[in-house]
Amino acid sequence: MAFDVHQAVTDKIIATMEAGEAGQWTYPWHRTGGGLPRNALTGRPYRGINVLSLWVGAQASGYSDDRWATYRQWAELGAQVRKGERSTLVVFFKEYEDAYGEDRKRFVARASYAFNAAQCEGAPEAGEPLPASEWNLSAVFDGFVERTGAIVIPGGDMACYLPAQDLIRIPSRTRFPTAHGYASTMGHELTHWSGAKGRLDRDLTGRFKSRAYAAEELVAELGSAFLMAELGLEAEPHPTRASYIRSWIKLLRSDPKAIFTAASAASRAVGYLTALQSRMAEAA
């Protein structure tokens, strides 16, 4: 049987969800430090499904370094992957011409393999990591939220995005045990907000149909985690996360490409929210 890159990645993600549901493991995207995994050679952060795959690999092996690269890329940097080290699967999409000669292209997922800096001899020294806990909520995060232009109504007992009114409701931050919990929840709702018509027009009903609601919650869960990592903040579970775990596992088991779709949508949401920062600053 041919190697199925979608199934291989999905199986690893499902394993983390099942372990988390059993209380045996913290999900790797609920991070207490560090940022997005990035390529050691290019400096660019990984996106979409590769963020999840590398976070899973880092947690399983206890790596705290966010730098990853292929065997050849580490060699270009003058480093040597130690003998016997096991790689972590990453995915790239190869472009092909349409087989029937039509003027369109298709992209096929292909496997590549990355090693963490901790697996190498002679890896360059890492820069100073962003502090995970010492940050000023008002200066760092409130400004980010304000520059999105989203309407946020504080108060009440639950956090939610209301599409009909195009606004976010969120309890007072004093109701949250930690500042990071507040920020993670806001990031979750902002991810929902980004998918509205006129923004990213996110529509998961085509692939997920009756499972669309749970799938959108997974997009928001991942979007919050990706956003927190990009801002150097801790990511904490959304209050409703536990009610969706079983439906997420069922979704991923039935469709090996579902986690790819959700992770890609989450990355696009974060890119959209981040791009708004400069646009709103220029308009001010």
Protein backbone atom coordinates (compact mmCIF):
# COMPACT_ATOMS: atom_id res chain seq x y z
CA MET A 1 0.00 0.00 0.00
CA ALA A 2 1.34 3.44 -0.95
CA PHE A 3 2.30 5.79 1.84
CA ASP A 4 -0.57 8.18 2.60
CA VAL A 5 0.84 11.41 4.00
CA HIS A 6 -2.61 12.66 5.04
CA GLN A 7 -3.33 9.50 7.01
CA ALA A 8 0.12 9.45 8.64
CA VAL A 9 -0.21 13.00 9.99
CA THR A 10 -3.84 12.52 10.97
CA ASP A 11 -3.04 9.37 12.95
CA LYS A 12 -0.52 11.29 15.05
CA ILE A 13 -2.96 14.11 15.74
CA ILE A 14 -5.71 11.65 16.69
CA ALA A 15 -3.32 9.96 19.12
CA THR A 16 -2.70 13.28 20.90
CA MET A 17 -6.42 13.97 21.11
CA GLU A 18 -7.18 10.54 22.52
CA ALA A 19 -4.39 10.86 25.08
CA GLY A 20 -5.61 14.32 26.03
CA GLU A 21 -9.18 13.09 26.39
CA ALA A 22 -7.92 10.37 28.77
CA GLY A 23 -6.09 13.00 30.79
CA GLN A 24 -2.70 11.51 29.98
CA TRP A 25 -1.27 14.30 27.84
CA THR A 26 -1.60 18.01 27.33
CA TYR A 27 -2.36 18.88 23.74
CA PRO A 28 0.84 20.18 22.11
CA TRP A 29 -0.94 23.31 20.89
CA HIS A 30 -1.73 24.37 24.48
CA ARG A 31 1.78 25.68 24.85
CA THR A 32 3.42 27.36 27.83
CA GLY A 33 6.26 28.93 25.89
CA GLY A 34 7.98 29.30 22.56
CA GLY A 35 6.57 30.34 19.25
CA LEU A 36 5.71 28.82 15.93
CA PRO A 37 8.15 26.18 14.68
CA ARG A 38 10.44 27.72 12.08
CA ASN A 39 12.88 26.52 9.49
CA ALA A 40 16.43 26.88 10.77
CA LEU A 41 17.85 27.67 7.33
CA THR A 42 15.27 30.10 5.96
CA GLY A 43 14.01 31.53 9.25
CA ARG A 44 10.44 31.26 8.00
CA PRO A 45 7.78 29.84 10.31
CA TYR A 46 6.01 26.66 9.28
CA ARG A 47 2.30 26.99 8.58
CA GLY A 48 -0.85 24.91 8.66
CA ILE A 49 -0.53 21.20 9.26
CA ASN A 50 3.24 21.40 9.71
CA VAL A 51 2.80 23.51 12.85
CA LEU A 52 0.78 20.71 14.40
CA SER A 53 3.05 17.93 13.17
CA LEU A 54 6.17 19.60 14.56
CA TRP A 55 4.51 20.55 17.85
CA VAL A 56 3.46 16.92 18.29
CA GLY A 57 7.01 15.79 17.53
CA ALA A 58 8.51 18.34 19.91
CA GLN A 59 6.23 17.34 22.78
CA ALA A 60 6.77 13.62 22.24
CA SER A 61 10.55 14.04 22.44
CA GLY A 62 10.74 16.93 24.90
CA TYR A 63 12.29 19.47 22.51
CA SER A 64 12.12 23.09 23.61
CA ASP A 65 13.88 24.52 20.53
CA ASP A 66 11.52 25.80 17.81
CA ARG A 67 14.04 25.32 14.98
CA TRP A 68 13.64 22.50 12.48
CA ALA A 69 15.23 21.63 9.14
CA THR A 70 15.83 18.70 6.82
CA TYR A 71 19.06 16.69 7.00
CA ARG A 72 20.49 18.58 4.02
CA GLN A 73 19.47 21.97 5.39
CA TRP A 74 21.24 21.28 8.68
CA ALA A 75 24.33 20.30 6.68
CA GLU A 76 24.16 23.67 4.88
CA LEU A 77 24.24 25.30 8.31
CA GLY A 78 27.33 23.31 9.26
CA ALA A 79 25.45 21.01 11.64
CA GLN A 80 25.24 17.23 11.69
CA VAL A 81 22.16 15.24 12.65
CA ARG A 82 23.28 12.67 15.21
CA LYS A 83 23.26 9.05 14.12
CA GLY A 84 20.10 7.19 15.09
CA GLU A 85 17.92 10.30 15.47
CA ARG A 86 14.36 9.91 14.21
CA SER A 87 12.83 12.53 11.94
CA THR A 88 9.43 14.22 12.19
CA LEU A 89 7.09 14.26 9.21
CA VAL A 90 6.40 17.55 7.46
CA VAL A 91 4.35 18.08 4.34
CA PHE A 92 4.96 20.07 1.22
CA PHE A 93 2.66 20.44 -1.77
CA LYS A 94 4.09 19.72 -5.20
CA GLU A 95 2.53 21.44 -8.19
CA TYR A 96 1.53 19.40 -11.23
CA GLU A 97 0.08 20.39 -14.59
CA ASP A 98 -3.45 19.16 -15.20
CA ALA A 99 -3.32 15.64 -16.69
CA TYR A 100 -5.92 16.53 -19.33
CA GLY A 101 -4.09 19.58 -20.61
CA GLU A 102 -6.51 22.10 -19.14
CA ASP A 103 -5.16 25.43 -18.00
CA ARG A 104 -5.08 24.65 -14.33
CA LYS A 105 -2.72 23.11 -11.81
CA ARG A 106 -3.18 20.68 -8.99
CA PHE A 107 -1.22 20.35 -5.77
CA VAL A 108 -0.36 16.99 -4.28
CA ALA A 109 0.81 16.48 -0.71
CA ARG A 110 4.28 14.99 -0.42
CA ALA A 111 6.23 13.93 2.66
CA SER A 112 9.46 15.47 3.84
CA TYR A 113 11.32 14.88 7.07
CA ALA A 114 12.67 17.39 9.56
CA PHE A 115 14.98 17.22 12.55
CA ASN A 116 14.97 19.50 15.57
CA ALA A 117 18.01 21.55 16.54
CA ALA A 118 18.28 19.41 19.68
CA GLN A 119 19.00 16.41 17.44
CA CYS A 120 22.05 18.01 15.85
CA GLU A 121 25.71 18.53 16.66
CA GLY A 122 27.01 21.97 15.82
CA ALA A 123 23.64 23.67 15.41
CA PRO A 124 23.94 27.48 15.54
CA GLU A 125 23.06 29.08 18.85
CA ALA A 126 19.41 30.04 19.13
CA GLY A 127 18.39 33.62 19.78
CA GLU A 128 16.81 34.68 23.03
CA PRO A 129 13.28 33.20 23.26
CA LEU A 130 10.30 35.42 23.86
CA PRO A 131 9.23 35.37 27.52
CA ALA A 132 6.09 33.31 27.90
CA SER A 133 4.64 34.93 31.00
CA GLU A 134 6.13 38.39 31.46
CA TRP A 135 3.95 40.50 29.24
CA ASN A 136 1.62 43.42 29.64
CA LEU A 137 -1.88 42.45 28.52
CA SER A 138 -3.00 45.99 27.75
CA ALA A 139 0.09 46.94 25.78
CA VAL A 140 0.52 43.71 23.85
CA PHE A 141 -2.82 42.06 23.36
CA ASP A 142 -5.52 44.69 23.82
CA GLY A 143 -3.86 46.79 21.13
CA PHE A 144 -3.83 43.80 18.80
CA VAL A 145 -7.55 43.18 19.33
CA GLU A 146 -8.41 46.85 18.86
CA ARG A 147 -6.53 47.02 15.57
CA THR A 148 -8.59 44.19 14.09
CA GLY A 149 -11.63 46.45 14.18
CA ALA A 150 -13.76 43.72 15.73
CA ILE A 151 -16.65 44.84 17.93
CA VAL A 152 -16.11 43.31 21.39
CA ILE A 153 -18.75 43.52 24.12
CA PRO A 154 -17.37 42.60 27.58
CA GLY A 155 -19.52 40.98 30.22
CA GLY A 156 -21.82 38.00 30.52
CA ASP A 157 -21.07 34.39 31.37
CA MET A 158 -19.77 32.97 28.10
CA ALA A 159 -17.51 33.87 25.21
CA CYS A 160 -18.97 33.67 21.72
CA TYR A 161 -18.99 35.23 18.28
CA LEU A 162 -22.50 36.22 17.11
CA PRO A 163 -22.55 36.15 13.28
CA ALA A 164 -25.97 37.82 12.96
CA GLN A 165 -24.70 40.85 14.89
CA ASP A 166 -21.07 40.49 13.83
CA LEU A 167 -19.75 41.00 17.32
CA ILE A 168 -17.83 39.14 20.01
CA ARG A 169 -19.06 38.76 23.56
CA ILE A 170 -16.56 37.79 26.23
CA PRO A 171 -16.73 37.70 30.04
CA SER A 172 -14.77 40.26 32.00
CA ARG A 173 -11.09 39.35 32.19
CA THR A 174 -11.43 39.11 35.96
CA ARG A 175 -13.50 35.97 35.35
CA PHE A 176 -10.46 34.23 33.85
CA PRO A 177 -7.88 32.59 36.16
CA THR A 178 -4.99 33.86 33.99
CA ALA A 179 -4.36 36.64 31.52
CA HIS A 180 -3.28 34.02 28.99
CA GLY A 181 -6.61 32.24 29.35
CA TYR A 182 -8.38 35.49 28.52
CA ALA A 183 -6.11 36.10 25.51
CA SER A 184 -6.49 32.53 24.23
CA THR A 185 -10.28 32.76 24.46
CA MET A 186 -10.28 36.09 22.67
CA GLY A 187 -8.04 34.58 19.98
CA HIS A 188 -10.56 31.76 19.56
CA GLU A 189 -13.43 34.19 19.03
CA LEU A 190 -11.37 36.39 16.72
CA THR A 191 -10.69 33.34 14.57
CA HIS A 192 -14.46 32.80 14.29
CA TRP A 193 -14.87 36.52 13.49
CA SER A 194 -12.30 36.32 10.70
CA GLY A 195 -14.37 33.75 8.85
CA ALA A 196 -17.43 35.95 8.39
CA LYS A 197 -18.72 37.00 4.98
CA GLY A 198 -16.75 39.93 3.66
CA ARG A 199 -13.64 38.72 5.45
CA LEU A 200 -12.38 35.20 4.75
CA ASP A 201 -15.86 33.89 3.84
CA ARG A 202 -15.02 30.61 5.51
CA ASP A 203 -17.46 27.88 4.54
CA LEU A 204 -16.73 24.39 5.78
CA THR A 205 -20.10 22.95 4.87
CA GLY A 206 -18.85 21.69 1.52
CA ARG A 207 -16.42 19.21 3.04
CA PHE A 208 -17.79 18.72 6.54
CA LYS A 209 -21.56 19.08 5.96
CA SER A 210 -23.37 18.23 9.21
CA ARG A 211 -20.05 18.23 11.05
CA ALA A 212 -19.32 21.82 10.04
CA TYR A 213 -19.96 23.30 13.48
CA ALA A 214 -17.48 21.04 15.25
CA ALA A 215 -15.00 21.59 12.42
CA GLU A 216 -15.26 25.37 12.76
CA GLU A 217 -14.62 25.01 16.49
CA LEU A 218 -11.45 23.07 15.65
CA VAL A 219 -10.38 25.86 13.29
CA ALA A 220 -10.91 28.39 16.10
CA GLU A 221 -9.04 26.21 18.62
CA LEU A 222 -6.04 25.92 16.30
CA GLY A 223 -6.27 29.55 15.20
CA SER A 224 -6.04 30.70 18.80
CA ALA A 225 -3.02 28.47 19.43
CA PHE A 226 -1.25 29.67 16.28
CA LEU A 227 -1.97 33.30 17.14
CA MET A 228 -0.72 32.95 20.71
CA ALA A 229 2.49 31.33 19.44
CA GLU A 230 3.00 34.11 16.90
CA LEU A 231 2.60 36.72 19.63
CA GLY A 232 4.85 34.82 22.06
CA LEU A 233 2.01 34.24 24.52
CA GLU A 234 0.88 31.11 26.31
CA ALA A 235 -2.02 29.18 24.80
CA GLU A 236 -4.71 27.76 27.05
CA PRO A 237 -7.76 25.65 26.13
CA HIS A 238 -11.00 27.37 25.24
CA PRO A 239 -13.66 26.74 27.94
CA THR A 240 -15.81 24.71 25.51
CA ARG A 241 -12.94 22.59 24.17
CA ALA A 242 -13.77 19.47 26.19
CA SER A 243 -17.24 19.20 24.65
CA TYR A 244 -15.78 18.91 21.16
CA ILE A 245 -12.93 16.43 21.62
CA ARG A 246 -14.95 13.33 20.76
CA SER A 247 -16.53 14.95 17.71
CA TRP A 248 -13.08 16.10 16.52
CA ILE A 249 -11.69 12.58 16.82
CA LYS A 250 -14.69 11.23 14.89
CA LEU A 251 -14.22 13.88 12.21
CA LEU A 252 -10.54 13.11 11.74
CA ARG A 253 -11.13 9.36 11.64
CA SER A 254 -13.72 9.75 8.89
CA ASP A 255 -11.70 12.20 6.79
CA PRO A 256 -7.86 12.10 6.81
CA LYS A 257 -7.75 15.47 5.07
CA ALA A 258 -9.94 17.22 7.66
CA ILE A 259 -7.07 18.27 9.93
CA PHE A 260 -5.20 19.64 6.90
CA THR A 261 -8.25 21.72 5.98
CA ALA A 262 -8.73 22.97 9.54
CA ALA A 263 -5.05 23.81 10.09
CA SER A 264 -4.84 25.62 6.75
CA ALA A 265 -7.96 27.65 7.60
CA ALA A 266 -6.51 28.48 11.03
CA SER A 267 -3.25 29.71 9.49
CA ARG A 268 -5.15 31.86 7.00
CA ALA A 269 -7.19 33.33 9.87
CA VAL A 270 -4.04 34.27 11.80
CA GLY A 271 -2.53 35.76 8.65
CA TYR A 272 -5.66 37.82 8.13
CA LEU A 273 -5.75 39.09 11.73
CA THR A 274 -2.05 39.93 11.63
CA ALA A 275 -2.36 41.77 8.30
CA LEU A 276 -5.09 43.95 9.80
CA GLN A 277 -2.58 45.36 12.26
CA SER A 278 -0.64 47.34 9.69
CA ARG A 279 -3.74 48.31 7.71
CA MET A 280 -5.49 49.75 10.76
CA ALA A 281 -2.30 51.52 11.87
CA GLU A 282 -1.97 53.18 8.45
CA ALA A 283 -5.61 54.25 8.51
CA ALA A 284 -5.29 55.83 11.96
